Amino acid sequence: SQLFNQYSHPECVQKIAFDILMTLSFWKWDTAMYVDNMIVFLFPFIFSFIKEATIDSITPIDPNYQFEDMELIESEIFWCFDSFFENNHINELIHPIKDPLIYSFINDAGEIISSTFPSIRSILDQKHVFSLDFIVDDFSFWFAKVFVENDQLVKLWISCLSCSSTTLFFKTFILSIIYTLMPEIEKLCVLSSKEFEIKFQKLKKEN
């Protein structure tokens, strides 16, 4: 909040920053998901473009910059920041790991299931599911597919970014998805991991 206290309506400028970071998280799921202090990297771009903002309008720093729509200036800032983020490998500074984030979440969620939910682990073993990798391809799309209303999506992301640990939020989200799917998974009759994946894909299409 200290970054924004120079503005007359800081909450309006913060909303713009939130929208940009949320979009970037969608755009680059494994490398640009929000982590603490990511706003520090974005703020110079906000400061360079926006002189003031209200709910209905944005006053740009450059008086020659004319925007007919507030979304246009957000878009301009987003693409500048995206280029900066990519070209300077900011993801390696804020989250220096080589493996995609999703796999670490999946592995952690699998360990939690094994240690805390033996009944779920038993069902998965019966279905020849020894890894949660079968949900990797879908994970990043669930936010858009399951939470179809825009206000639901925004509330979900606010919950995510307000959580004391973003990692904890996504582990919990994965566990919730697995828990919700268990009644359907339990009904599947499969003889191998490959057969499970095929029937799981069919299950998704039917639901």
N, C-alpha and C. Protein backbone atom coordinates (compact mmCIF):
# COMPACT_ATOMS: atom_id res chain seq x y z
N SER A 1 0.82 -1.21 0.00
CA SER A 1 0.00 0.00 0.00
C SER A 1 0.86 1.26 0.00
N GLN A 2 2.08 1.17 0.54
CA GLN A 2 2.95 2.35 0.57
C GLN A 2 3.33 2.81 -0.84
N LEU A 3 3.39 1.87 -1.76
CA LEU A 3 3.74 2.23 -3.14
C LEU A 3 2.69 3.15 -3.76
N PHE A 4 1.44 2.99 -3.32
CA PHE A 4 0.34 3.67 -3.99
C PHE A 4 -0.17 4.90 -3.24
N ASN A 5 0.41 5.22 -2.08
CA ASN A 5 -0.15 6.31 -1.28
C ASN A 5 0.06 7.69 -1.87
N GLN A 6 0.82 7.78 -2.96
CA GLN A 6 1.01 9.07 -3.63
C GLN A 6 -0.19 9.43 -4.50
N TYR A 7 -1.05 8.44 -4.76
CA TYR A 7 -2.22 8.69 -5.59
C TYR A 7 -3.41 9.13 -4.73
N SER A 8 -4.26 9.97 -5.33
CA SER A 8 -5.44 10.43 -4.61
C SER A 8 -6.44 9.30 -4.38
N HIS A 9 -6.46 8.36 -5.33
CA HIS A 9 -7.36 7.20 -5.21
C HIS A 9 -6.52 5.93 -5.35
N PRO A 10 -5.74 5.61 -4.32
CA PRO A 10 -4.82 4.46 -4.43
C PRO A 10 -5.51 3.14 -4.74
N GLU A 11 -6.74 2.97 -4.23
CA GLU A 11 -7.42 1.70 -4.46
C GLU A 11 -7.72 1.49 -5.95
N CYS A 12 -7.92 2.58 -6.69
CA CYS A 12 -8.20 2.47 -8.13
C CYS A 12 -6.96 2.04 -8.89
N VAL A 13 -5.80 2.57 -8.49
CA VAL A 13 -4.55 2.20 -9.14
C VAL A 13 -4.15 0.78 -8.76
N GLN A 14 -4.41 0.42 -7.51
CA GLN A 14 -4.14 -0.95 -7.07
C GLN A 14 -4.97 -1.95 -7.86
N LYS A 15 -6.20 -1.58 -8.17
CA LYS A 15 -7.08 -2.46 -8.96
C LYS A 15 -6.47 -2.71 -10.34
N ILE A 16 -5.90 -1.67 -10.93
CA ILE A 16 -5.25 -1.82 -12.24
C ILE A 16 -4.06 -2.78 -12.12
N ALA A 17 -3.26 -2.60 -11.08
CA ALA A 17 -2.10 -3.47 -10.85
C ALA A 17 -2.55 -4.92 -10.66
N PHE A 18 -3.62 -5.09 -9.88
CA PHE A 18 -4.16 -6.43 -9.64
C PHE A 18 -4.58 -7.09 -10.95
N ASP A 19 -5.28 -6.34 -11.80
CA ASP A 19 -5.76 -6.90 -13.08
C ASP A 19 -4.58 -7.34 -13.96
N ILE A 20 -3.53 -6.51 -13.97
CA ILE A 20 -2.36 -6.82 -14.81
C ILE A 20 -1.66 -8.07 -14.31
N LEU A 21 -1.45 -8.18 -13.00
CA LEU A 21 -0.76 -9.35 -12.44
C LEU A 21 -1.60 -10.61 -12.58
N MET A 22 -2.92 -10.47 -12.45
CA MET A 22 -3.80 -11.62 -12.62
C MET A 22 -3.73 -12.12 -14.07
N THR A 23 -3.74 -11.18 -15.01
CA THR A 23 -3.65 -11.55 -16.43
C THR A 23 -2.32 -12.22 -16.73
N LEU A 24 -1.24 -11.68 -16.16
CA LEU A 24 0.08 -12.27 -16.38
C LEU A 24 0.15 -13.69 -15.83
N SER A 25 -0.52 -13.92 -14.69
CA SER A 25 -0.54 -15.26 -14.10
C SER A 25 -1.22 -16.25 -15.03
N PHE A 26 -2.27 -15.81 -15.69
CA PHE A 26 -2.94 -16.67 -16.68
C PHE A 26 -2.06 -16.87 -17.91
N TRP A 27 -1.44 -15.79 -18.33
CA TRP A 27 -0.68 -15.78 -19.58
C TRP A 27 0.55 -16.69 -19.49
N LYS A 28 1.23 -16.65 -18.33
CA LYS A 28 2.44 -17.46 -18.13
C LYS A 28 2.30 -18.22 -16.82
N TRP A 29 1.52 -19.28 -16.87
CA TRP A 29 1.13 -19.98 -15.64
C TRP A 29 2.32 -20.43 -14.81
N ASP A 30 3.28 -21.11 -15.44
CA ASP A 30 4.37 -21.71 -14.68
C ASP A 30 5.49 -20.75 -14.31
N THR A 31 5.59 -19.63 -14.98
CA THR A 31 6.70 -18.72 -14.70
C THR A 31 6.27 -17.40 -14.09
N ALA A 32 5.00 -17.04 -14.22
CA ALA A 32 4.60 -15.70 -13.75
C ALA A 32 3.45 -15.73 -12.77
N MET A 33 3.19 -16.88 -12.16
CA MET A 33 2.16 -16.91 -11.12
C MET A 33 2.58 -15.98 -9.98
N TYR A 34 1.64 -15.27 -9.42
CA TYR A 34 1.96 -14.25 -8.44
C TYR A 34 2.65 -14.82 -7.21
N VAL A 35 3.72 -14.17 -6.79
CA VAL A 35 4.38 -14.45 -5.51
C VAL A 35 4.59 -13.12 -4.79
N ASP A 36 4.93 -13.21 -3.51
CA ASP A 36 5.13 -12.00 -2.72
C ASP A 36 6.15 -11.07 -3.37
N ASN A 37 5.84 -9.78 -3.34
CA ASN A 37 6.73 -8.70 -3.81
C ASN A 37 6.82 -8.60 -5.33
N MET A 38 6.02 -9.35 -6.06
CA MET A 38 6.02 -9.21 -7.51
C MET A 38 5.53 -7.81 -7.90
N ILE A 39 4.70 -7.22 -7.06
CA ILE A 39 4.19 -5.88 -7.32
C ILE A 39 5.31 -4.86 -7.41
N VAL A 40 6.42 -5.13 -6.72
CA VAL A 40 7.55 -4.19 -6.73
C VAL A 40 8.12 -4.07 -8.14
N PHE A 41 8.12 -5.17 -8.89
CA PHE A 41 8.63 -5.13 -10.26
C PHE A 41 7.67 -4.42 -11.21
N LEU A 42 6.37 -4.55 -10.91
CA LEU A 42 5.36 -3.93 -11.78
C LEU A 42 5.23 -2.44 -11.53
N PHE A 43 5.40 -2.01 -10.29
CA PHE A 43 5.05 -0.64 -9.93
C PHE A 43 5.74 0.43 -10.78
N PRO A 44 7.04 0.29 -11.13
CA PRO A 44 7.65 1.33 -11.98
C PRO A 44 6.90 1.55 -13.30
N PHE A 45 6.28 0.50 -13.82
CA PHE A 45 5.51 0.64 -15.05
C PHE A 45 4.20 1.37 -14.79
N ILE A 46 3.57 1.07 -13.66
CA ILE A 46 2.36 1.79 -13.27
C ILE A 46 2.69 3.27 -13.11
N PHE A 47 3.78 3.54 -12.39
CA PHE A 47 4.19 4.91 -12.09
C PHE A 47 4.54 5.67 -13.37
N SER A 48 5.10 4.97 -14.36
CA SER A 48 5.52 5.62 -15.61
C SER A 48 4.36 5.97 -16.52
N PHE A 49 3.23 5.27 -16.35
CA PHE A 49 2.10 5.47 -17.24
C PHE A 49 0.97 6.30 -16.60
N ILE A 50 0.75 6.09 -15.30
CA ILE A 50 -0.46 6.62 -14.68
C ILE A 50 -0.15 7.78 -13.73
N LYS A 51 -0.73 8.92 -14.04
CA LYS A 51 -0.59 10.09 -13.17
C LYS A 51 -1.64 10.04 -12.06
N GLU A 52 -2.86 9.66 -12.42
CA GLU A 52 -3.96 9.55 -11.46
C GLU A 52 -5.01 8.63 -12.05
N ALA A 53 -5.85 8.09 -11.17
CA ALA A 53 -6.91 7.21 -11.65
C ALA A 53 -8.10 7.30 -10.72
N THR A 54 -9.28 7.16 -11.32
CA THR A 54 -10.52 7.04 -10.56
C THR A 54 -11.20 5.76 -11.03
N ILE A 55 -12.37 5.50 -10.53
CA ILE A 55 -13.11 4.31 -10.94
C ILE A 55 -13.42 4.34 -12.44
N ASP A 56 -13.65 5.56 -12.95
CA ASP A 56 -14.12 5.69 -14.34
C ASP A 56 -13.07 6.13 -15.33
N SER A 57 -11.91 6.63 -14.87
CA SER A 57 -10.96 7.18 -15.83
C SER A 57 -9.52 7.07 -15.33
N ILE A 58 -8.59 7.18 -16.27
CA ILE A 58 -7.16 7.18 -15.98
C ILE A 58 -6.55 8.43 -16.59
N THR A 59 -5.76 9.15 -15.80
CA THR A 59 -5.02 10.29 -16.31
C THR A 59 -3.58 9.84 -16.56
N PRO A 60 -3.15 9.77 -17.83
CA PRO A 60 -1.79 9.29 -18.11
C PRO A 60 -0.74 10.33 -17.78
N ILE A 61 0.48 9.88 -17.53
CA ILE A 61 1.61 10.78 -17.28
C ILE A 61 1.86 11.67 -18.49
N ASP A 62 1.87 11.06 -19.65
CA ASP A 62 2.12 11.78 -20.90
C ASP A 62 0.81 12.40 -21.39
N PRO A 63 0.74 13.72 -21.43
CA PRO A 63 -0.50 14.37 -21.87
C PRO A 63 -0.85 14.08 -23.32
N ASN A 64 0.13 13.64 -24.11
CA ASN A 64 -0.14 13.31 -25.51
C ASN A 64 -0.70 11.90 -25.67
N TYR A 65 -0.70 11.15 -24.58
CA TYR A 65 -1.24 9.79 -24.61
C TYR A 65 -2.74 9.87 -24.45
N GLN A 66 -3.48 9.55 -25.48
CA GLN A 66 -4.93 9.62 -25.42
C GLN A 66 -5.53 8.22 -25.51
N PHE A 67 -6.25 7.84 -24.47
CA PHE A 67 -6.89 6.53 -24.45
C PHE A 67 -8.39 6.70 -24.40
N GLU A 68 -9.08 5.99 -25.28
CA GLU A 68 -10.53 6.05 -25.27
C GLU A 68 -11.13 5.09 -24.24
N ASP A 69 -10.33 4.13 -23.81
CA ASP A 69 -10.84 3.08 -22.93
C ASP A 69 -9.80 2.80 -21.86
N MET A 70 -10.23 2.63 -20.61
CA MET A 70 -9.30 2.32 -19.53
C MET A 70 -8.55 1.03 -19.78
N GLU A 71 -9.21 0.08 -20.46
CA GLU A 71 -8.57 -1.21 -20.71
C GLU A 71 -7.37 -1.07 -21.64
N LEU A 72 -7.37 -0.04 -22.47
CA LEU A 72 -6.25 0.14 -23.40
C LEU A 72 -4.96 0.48 -22.67
N ILE A 73 -5.05 1.34 -21.66
CA ILE A 73 -3.83 1.68 -20.92
C ILE A 73 -3.37 0.49 -20.07
N GLU A 74 -4.33 -0.27 -19.54
CA GLU A 74 -3.96 -1.50 -18.83
C GLU A 74 -3.23 -2.46 -19.77
N SER A 75 -3.73 -2.56 -20.99
CA SER A 75 -3.12 -3.42 -21.98
C SER A 75 -1.71 -2.95 -22.33
N GLU A 76 -1.56 -1.64 -22.46
CA GLU A 76 -0.25 -1.08 -22.78
C GLU A 76 0.77 -1.40 -21.69
N ILE A 77 0.36 -1.20 -20.44
CA ILE A 77 1.24 -1.50 -19.30
C ILE A 77 1.55 -3.00 -19.26
N PHE A 78 0.52 -3.80 -19.48
CA PHE A 78 0.71 -5.26 -19.43
C PHE A 78 1.78 -5.72 -20.40
N TRP A 79 1.70 -5.28 -21.66
CA TRP A 79 2.64 -5.77 -22.66
C TRP A 79 4.05 -5.26 -22.42
N CYS A 80 4.17 -4.04 -21.91
CA CYS A 80 5.50 -3.53 -21.55
C CYS A 80 6.09 -4.36 -20.41
N PHE A 81 5.27 -4.61 -19.39
CA PHE A 81 5.74 -5.37 -18.25
C PHE A 81 6.03 -6.82 -18.64
N ASP A 82 5.20 -7.39 -19.49
CA ASP A 82 5.42 -8.76 -19.95
C ASP A 82 6.77 -8.89 -20.65
N SER A 83 7.11 -7.92 -21.50
CA SER A 83 8.40 -7.94 -22.20
C SER A 83 9.55 -7.83 -21.21
N PHE A 84 9.40 -6.92 -20.25
CA PHE A 84 10.42 -6.74 -19.22
C PHE A 84 10.59 -8.03 -18.41
N PHE A 85 9.48 -8.62 -18.02
CA PHE A 85 9.47 -9.84 -17.20
C PHE A 85 10.18 -10.97 -17.93
N GLU A 86 9.89 -11.10 -19.23
CA GLU A 86 10.43 -12.19 -20.03
C GLU A 86 11.91 -11.95 -20.36
N ASN A 87 12.23 -10.76 -20.83
CA ASN A 87 13.58 -10.47 -21.29
C ASN A 87 14.62 -10.47 -20.16
N ASN A 88 14.17 -10.15 -18.95
CA ASN A 88 15.09 -10.09 -17.82
C ASN A 88 14.99 -11.30 -16.89
N HIS A 89 14.22 -12.31 -17.32
CA HIS A 89 14.11 -13.56 -16.56
C HIS A 89 13.74 -13.29 -15.10
N ILE A 90 12.75 -12.43 -14.92
CA ILE A 90 12.34 -12.07 -13.56
C ILE A 90 11.85 -13.28 -12.78
N ASN A 91 11.26 -14.25 -13.49
CA ASN A 91 10.77 -15.44 -12.80
C ASN A 91 11.89 -16.16 -12.06
N GLU A 92 13.13 -16.11 -12.60
CA GLU A 92 14.25 -16.78 -11.95
C GLU A 92 14.69 -16.02 -10.70
N LEU A 93 14.40 -14.73 -10.65
CA LEU A 93 14.73 -13.95 -9.46
C LEU A 93 13.72 -14.19 -8.34
N ILE A 94 12.45 -14.26 -8.72
CA ILE A 94 11.41 -14.38 -7.68
C ILE A 94 11.08 -15.82 -7.34
N HIS A 95 11.40 -16.74 -8.25
CA HIS A 95 11.10 -18.15 -7.97
C HIS A 95 12.13 -19.01 -8.71
N PRO A 96 13.33 -19.10 -8.18
CA PRO A 96 14.43 -19.76 -8.88
C PRO A 96 14.37 -21.29 -8.86
N ILE A 97 13.46 -21.86 -9.64
CA ILE A 97 13.40 -23.31 -9.79
C ILE A 97 13.37 -23.65 -11.27
N LYS A 98 13.80 -24.84 -11.58
CA LYS A 98 13.86 -25.26 -12.98
C LYS A 98 12.59 -25.97 -13.43
N ASP A 99 11.97 -26.71 -12.51
CA ASP A 99 10.77 -27.44 -12.88
C ASP A 99 9.56 -26.51 -12.85
N PRO A 100 8.58 -26.74 -13.71
CA PRO A 100 7.35 -25.95 -13.66
C PRO A 100 6.70 -26.03 -12.29
N LEU A 101 6.13 -24.93 -11.84
CA LEU A 101 5.51 -24.88 -10.51
C LEU A 101 4.43 -25.95 -10.33
N ILE A 102 3.70 -26.20 -11.39
CA ILE A 102 2.56 -27.11 -11.27
C ILE A 102 3.01 -28.49 -10.78
N TYR A 103 4.20 -28.95 -11.20
CA TYR A 103 4.64 -30.28 -10.80
C TYR A 103 4.97 -30.34 -9.31
N SER A 104 5.51 -29.26 -8.77
CA SER A 104 5.80 -29.25 -7.34
C SER A 104 4.50 -29.26 -6.54
N PHE A 105 3.47 -28.55 -7.03
CA PHE A 105 2.17 -28.57 -6.36
C PHE A 105 1.55 -29.96 -6.41
N ILE A 106 1.64 -30.58 -7.60
CA ILE A 106 1.07 -31.91 -7.78
C ILE A 106 1.74 -32.92 -6.85
N ASN A 107 3.08 -32.87 -6.80
CA ASN A 107 3.81 -33.82 -5.95
C ASN A 107 3.47 -33.61 -4.48
N ASP A 108 3.41 -32.35 -4.05
CA ASP A 108 3.08 -32.06 -2.65
C ASP A 108 1.67 -32.53 -2.31
N ALA A 109 0.74 -32.29 -3.24
CA ALA A 109 -0.64 -32.72 -3.01
C ALA A 109 -0.71 -34.24 -2.92
N GLY A 110 0.07 -34.93 -3.75
CA GLY A 110 0.11 -36.39 -3.70
C GLY A 110 0.62 -36.90 -2.37
N GLU A 111 1.63 -36.24 -1.83
CA GLU A 111 2.18 -36.64 -0.53
C GLU A 111 1.16 -36.40 0.58
N ILE A 112 0.42 -35.30 0.48
CA ILE A 112 -0.62 -35.02 1.48
C ILE A 112 -1.70 -36.09 1.45
N ILE A 113 -2.10 -36.49 0.24
CA ILE A 113 -3.11 -37.55 0.11
C ILE A 113 -2.61 -38.84 0.75
N SER A 114 -1.35 -39.18 0.47
CA SER A 114 -0.79 -40.43 1.01
C SER A 114 -0.73 -40.43 2.52
N SER A 115 -0.41 -39.27 3.13
CA SER A 115 -0.23 -39.21 4.57
C SER A 115 -1.51 -38.89 5.34
N THR A 116 -2.47 -38.23 4.70
CA THR A 116 -3.63 -37.72 5.43
C THR A 116 -4.95 -38.33 4.99
N PHE A 117 -5.02 -38.78 3.73
CA PHE A 117 -6.28 -39.30 3.21
C PHE A 117 -6.09 -40.72 2.68
N PRO A 118 -5.90 -41.69 3.59
CA PRO A 118 -5.62 -43.07 3.16
C PRO A 118 -6.74 -43.68 2.33
N SER A 119 -7.98 -43.29 2.57
CA SER A 119 -9.09 -43.87 1.78
C SER A 119 -9.01 -43.42 0.32
N ILE A 120 -8.65 -42.15 0.10
CA ILE A 120 -8.49 -41.66 -1.27
C ILE A 120 -7.28 -42.33 -1.93
N ARG A 121 -6.19 -42.46 -1.17
CA ARG A 121 -4.99 -43.10 -1.70
C ARG A 121 -5.29 -44.54 -2.11
N SER A 122 -6.10 -45.23 -1.29
CA SER A 122 -6.46 -46.62 -1.57
C SER A 122 -7.26 -46.73 -2.87
N ILE A 123 -8.20 -45.81 -3.07
CA ILE A 123 -9.01 -45.83 -4.30
C ILE A 123 -8.13 -45.56 -5.52
N LEU A 124 -7.24 -44.60 -5.40
CA LEU A 124 -6.34 -44.28 -6.52
C LEU A 124 -5.45 -45.47 -6.84
N ASP A 125 -4.95 -46.16 -5.81
CA ASP A 125 -4.11 -47.34 -6.04
C ASP A 125 -4.90 -48.43 -6.77
N GLN A 126 -6.16 -48.60 -6.39
CA GLN A 126 -7.01 -49.60 -7.04
C GLN A 126 -7.19 -49.29 -8.53
N LYS A 127 -7.16 -48.00 -8.86
CA LYS A 127 -7.35 -47.57 -10.25
C LYS A 127 -6.01 -47.43 -10.98
N HIS A 128 -4.93 -47.92 -10.35
CA HIS A 128 -3.59 -47.85 -10.94
C HIS A 128 -3.12 -46.41 -11.14
N VAL A 129 -3.56 -45.53 -10.25
CA VAL A 129 -3.16 -44.12 -10.32
C VAL A 129 -2.13 -43.88 -9.22
N PHE A 130 -0.87 -43.87 -9.60
CA PHE A 130 0.21 -43.72 -8.63
C PHE A 130 0.83 -42.33 -8.66
N SER A 131 0.27 -41.47 -9.50
CA SER A 131 0.72 -40.07 -9.60
C SER A 131 -0.48 -39.22 -9.98
N LEU A 132 -0.45 -37.96 -9.56
CA LEU A 132 -1.54 -37.04 -9.91
C LEU A 132 -1.26 -36.29 -11.22
N ASP A 133 -0.27 -36.77 -11.96
CA ASP A 133 0.09 -36.09 -13.22
C ASP A 133 -1.05 -36.06 -14.22
N PHE A 134 -2.05 -36.91 -14.03
CA PHE A 134 -3.16 -36.95 -15.00
C PHE A 134 -3.97 -35.66 -15.01
N ILE A 135 -3.80 -34.80 -13.99
CA ILE A 135 -4.54 -33.53 -13.98
C ILE A 135 -3.69 -32.34 -14.43
N VAL A 136 -2.42 -32.58 -14.73
CA VAL A 136 -1.52 -31.46 -15.08
C VAL A 136 -2.03 -30.66 -16.27
N ASP A 137 -2.42 -31.35 -17.33
CA ASP A 137 -2.83 -30.65 -18.55
C ASP A 137 -4.07 -29.79 -18.35
N ASP A 138 -4.88 -30.15 -17.39
CA ASP A 138 -6.14 -29.44 -17.20
C ASP A 138 -6.07 -28.35 -16.13
N PHE A 139 -5.09 -28.45 -15.26
CA PHE A 139 -5.08 -27.61 -14.07
C PHE A 139 -5.21 -26.12 -14.38
N SER A 140 -4.40 -25.65 -15.31
CA SER A 140 -4.40 -24.21 -15.59
C SER A 140 -5.67 -23.73 -16.27
N PHE A 141 -6.47 -24.67 -16.80
CA PHE A 141 -7.70 -24.28 -17.49
C PHE A 141 -8.93 -24.36 -16.59
N TRP A 142 -8.80 -24.99 -15.44
CA TRP A 142 -9.96 -25.17 -14.58
C TRP A 142 -10.53 -23.84 -14.11
N PHE A 143 -9.65 -22.87 -13.88
CA PHE A 143 -10.13 -21.58 -13.42
C PHE A 143 -11.09 -20.97 -14.44
N ALA A 144 -10.75 -21.12 -15.71
CA ALA A 144 -11.58 -20.54 -16.76
C ALA A 144 -12.80 -21.41 -17.08
N LYS A 145 -12.65 -22.73 -16.98
CA LYS A 145 -13.72 -23.63 -17.38
C LYS A 145 -14.76 -23.85 -16.30
N VAL A 146 -14.29 -24.01 -15.06
CA VAL A 146 -15.20 -24.33 -13.96
C VAL A 146 -15.89 -23.08 -13.44
N PHE A 147 -15.10 -22.01 -13.27
CA PHE A 147 -15.66 -20.77 -12.72
C PHE A 147 -15.99 -19.86 -13.90
N VAL A 148 -17.17 -20.11 -14.48
CA VAL A 148 -17.50 -19.48 -15.76
C VAL A 148 -17.90 -18.01 -15.62
N GLU A 149 -18.48 -17.64 -14.48
CA GLU A 149 -18.89 -16.26 -14.31
C GLU A 149 -17.68 -15.42 -13.93
N ASN A 150 -17.56 -14.24 -14.51
CA ASN A 150 -16.40 -13.39 -14.29
C ASN A 150 -16.23 -13.03 -12.81
N ASP A 151 -17.34 -12.74 -12.11
CA ASP A 151 -17.24 -12.37 -10.71
C ASP A 151 -16.76 -13.54 -9.86
N GLN A 152 -17.13 -14.78 -10.25
CA GLN A 152 -16.64 -15.95 -9.53
C GLN A 152 -15.13 -16.08 -9.71
N LEU A 153 -14.68 -15.84 -10.92
CA LEU A 153 -13.26 -15.95 -11.24
C LEU A 153 -12.44 -14.92 -10.45
N VAL A 154 -12.93 -13.70 -10.42
CA VAL A 154 -12.23 -12.64 -9.68
C VAL A 154 -12.18 -12.96 -8.20
N LYS A 155 -13.30 -13.45 -7.64
CA LYS A 155 -13.32 -13.82 -6.22
C LYS A 155 -12.33 -14.93 -5.93
N LEU A 156 -12.22 -15.89 -6.85
CA LEU A 156 -11.28 -16.98 -6.67
C LEU A 156 -9.85 -16.46 -6.63
N TRP A 157 -9.51 -15.56 -7.57
CA TRP A 157 -8.16 -15.02 -7.61
C TRP A 157 -7.87 -14.13 -6.40
N ILE A 158 -8.86 -13.38 -5.93
CA ILE A 158 -8.67 -12.58 -4.73
C ILE A 158 -8.36 -13.50 -3.55
N SER A 159 -9.08 -14.61 -3.46
CA SER A 159 -8.82 -15.58 -2.40
C SER A 159 -7.40 -16.13 -2.51
N CYS A 160 -7.00 -16.42 -3.74
CA CYS A 160 -5.67 -16.96 -3.98
C CYS A 160 -4.59 -15.96 -3.55
N LEU A 161 -4.72 -14.71 -3.99
CA LEU A 161 -3.68 -13.72 -3.73
C LEU A 161 -3.72 -13.21 -2.29
N SER A 162 -4.85 -13.41 -1.60
CA SER A 162 -4.97 -12.97 -0.21
C SER A 162 -4.51 -14.05 0.76
N CYS A 163 -4.33 -15.27 0.25
CA CYS A 163 -3.92 -16.38 1.11
C CYS A 163 -2.52 -16.13 1.63
N SER A 164 -2.25 -16.53 2.86
CA SER A 164 -0.93 -16.31 3.46
C SER A 164 0.18 -17.00 2.68
N SER A 165 -0.18 -18.06 1.96
CA SER A 165 0.78 -18.77 1.13
C SER A 165 0.11 -19.15 -0.19
N THR A 166 0.60 -18.59 -1.28
CA THR A 166 0.03 -18.91 -2.59
C THR A 166 0.19 -20.40 -2.89
N THR A 167 1.34 -20.95 -2.50
CA THR A 167 1.59 -22.37 -2.70
C THR A 167 0.55 -23.21 -1.96
N LEU A 168 0.24 -22.83 -0.73
CA LEU A 168 -0.75 -23.56 0.06
C LEU A 168 -2.11 -23.51 -0.62
N PHE A 169 -2.45 -22.35 -1.19
CA PHE A 169 -3.74 -22.22 -1.88
C PHE A 169 -3.85 -23.23 -3.02
N PHE A 170 -2.81 -23.32 -3.85
CA PHE A 170 -2.90 -24.21 -5.01
C PHE A 170 -2.85 -25.68 -4.62
N LYS A 171 -2.10 -26.01 -3.57
CA LYS A 171 -2.13 -27.40 -3.07
C LYS A 171 -3.55 -27.74 -2.63
N THR A 172 -4.18 -26.81 -1.90
CA THR A 172 -5.54 -27.04 -1.41
C THR A 172 -6.51 -27.15 -2.57
N PHE A 173 -6.31 -26.33 -3.60
CA PHE A 173 -7.17 -26.36 -4.78
C PHE A 173 -7.09 -27.73 -5.46
N ILE A 174 -5.87 -28.26 -5.60
CA ILE A 174 -5.68 -29.57 -6.22
C ILE A 174 -6.37 -30.65 -5.39
N LEU A 175 -6.18 -30.59 -4.07
CA LEU A 175 -6.81 -31.58 -3.18
C LEU A 175 -8.33 -31.50 -3.28
N SER A 176 -8.86 -30.28 -3.39
CA SER A 176 -10.31 -30.11 -3.51
C SER A 176 -10.84 -30.73 -4.79
N ILE A 177 -10.09 -30.53 -5.89
CA ILE A 177 -10.49 -31.12 -7.17
C ILE A 177 -10.49 -32.65 -7.08
N ILE A 178 -9.41 -33.22 -6.53
CA ILE A 178 -9.33 -34.68 -6.40
C ILE A 178 -10.47 -35.20 -5.53
N TYR A 179 -10.71 -34.53 -4.41
CA TYR A 179 -11.77 -34.94 -3.49
C TYR A 179 -13.13 -34.93 -4.19
N THR A 180 -13.37 -33.88 -4.98
CA THR A 180 -14.63 -33.74 -5.70
C THR A 180 -14.81 -34.82 -6.76
N LEU A 181 -13.70 -35.23 -7.38
CA LEU A 181 -13.76 -36.21 -8.46
C LEU A 181 -13.85 -37.66 -7.96
N MET A 182 -13.55 -37.89 -6.69
CA MET A 182 -13.43 -39.26 -6.20
C MET A 182 -14.66 -40.14 -6.43
N PRO A 183 -15.88 -39.66 -6.21
CA PRO A 183 -17.04 -40.55 -6.47
C PRO A 183 -17.08 -41.06 -7.91
N GLU A 184 -16.71 -40.19 -8.87
CA GLU A 184 -16.71 -40.60 -10.26
C GLU A 184 -15.52 -41.52 -10.57
N ILE A 185 -14.37 -41.20 -10.00
CA ILE A 185 -13.18 -42.03 -10.21
C ILE A 185 -13.40 -43.43 -9.65
N GLU A 186 -14.05 -43.51 -8.50
CA GLU A 186 -14.28 -44.80 -7.84
C GLU A 186 -15.13 -45.72 -8.72
N LYS A 187 -15.99 -45.16 -9.55
CA LYS A 187 -16.87 -45.96 -10.41
C LYS A 187 -16.14 -46.52 -11.63
N LEU A 188 -14.98 -45.95 -11.97
CA LEU A 188 -14.28 -46.38 -13.17
C LEU A 188 -13.73 -47.80 -12.99
N CYS A 189 -13.91 -48.61 -14.01
CA CYS A 189 -13.37 -49.97 -14.01
C CYS A 189 -12.19 -50.00 -14.97
N VAL A 190 -10.98 -50.05 -14.42
CA VAL A 190 -9.78 -49.97 -15.25
C VAL A 190 -8.78 -51.05 -14.83
N LEU A 191 -7.90 -51.43 -15.77
CA LEU A 191 -6.90 -52.48 -15.51
C LEU A 191 -5.47 -51.96 -15.60
N SER A 192 -5.33 -50.67 -15.97
CA SER A 192 -3.98 -50.10 -16.08
C SER A 192 -4.04 -48.59 -15.98
N SER A 193 -2.88 -47.97 -15.81
CA SER A 193 -2.80 -46.52 -15.74
C SER A 193 -3.25 -45.88 -17.05
N LYS A 194 -2.85 -46.50 -18.16
CA LYS A 194 -3.22 -45.98 -19.47
C LYS A 194 -4.74 -46.01 -19.65
N GLU A 195 -5.35 -47.11 -19.25
CA GLU A 195 -6.80 -47.23 -19.38
C GLU A 195 -7.50 -46.20 -18.49
N PHE A 196 -6.91 -45.94 -17.33
CA PHE A 196 -7.48 -44.92 -16.45
C PHE A 196 -7.47 -43.56 -17.13
N GLU A 197 -6.35 -43.19 -17.73
CA GLU A 197 -6.24 -41.88 -18.38
C GLU A 197 -7.27 -41.75 -19.50
N ILE A 198 -7.46 -42.81 -20.27
CA ILE A 198 -8.44 -42.78 -21.36
C ILE A 198 -9.85 -42.57 -20.82
N LYS A 199 -10.19 -43.33 -19.78
CA LYS A 199 -11.54 -43.21 -19.21
C LYS A 199 -11.73 -41.90 -18.46
N PHE A 200 -10.64 -41.39 -17.90
CA PHE A 200 -10.72 -40.10 -17.21
C PHE A 200 -11.02 -38.98 -18.21
N GLN A 201 -10.37 -39.04 -19.38
CA GLN A 201 -10.62 -38.05 -20.43
C GLN A 201 -12.08 -38.13 -20.89
N LYS A 202 -12.59 -39.33 -21.01
CA LYS A 202 -13.99 -39.52 -21.41
C LYS A 202 -14.92 -38.96 -20.34
N LEU A 203 -14.55 -39.21 -19.07
CA LEU A 203 -15.35 -38.72 -17.94
C LEU A 203 -15.45 -37.20 -17.97
N LYS A 204 -14.35 -36.54 -18.28
CA LYS A 204 -14.35 -35.07 -18.36
C LYS A 204 -15.28 -34.56 -19.45
N LYS A 205 -15.23 -35.24 -20.60
CA LYS A 205 -16.07 -34.80 -21.71
C LYS A 205 -17.55 -34.95 -21.40
N GLU A 206 -17.87 -35.98 -20.63
CA GLU A 206 -19.27 -36.22 -20.27
C GLU A 206 -19.78 -35.26 -19.20
N ASN A 207 -18.82 -34.67 -18.48
CA ASN A 207 -19.20 -33.75 -17.40
C ASN A 207 -18.63 -32.36 -17.67
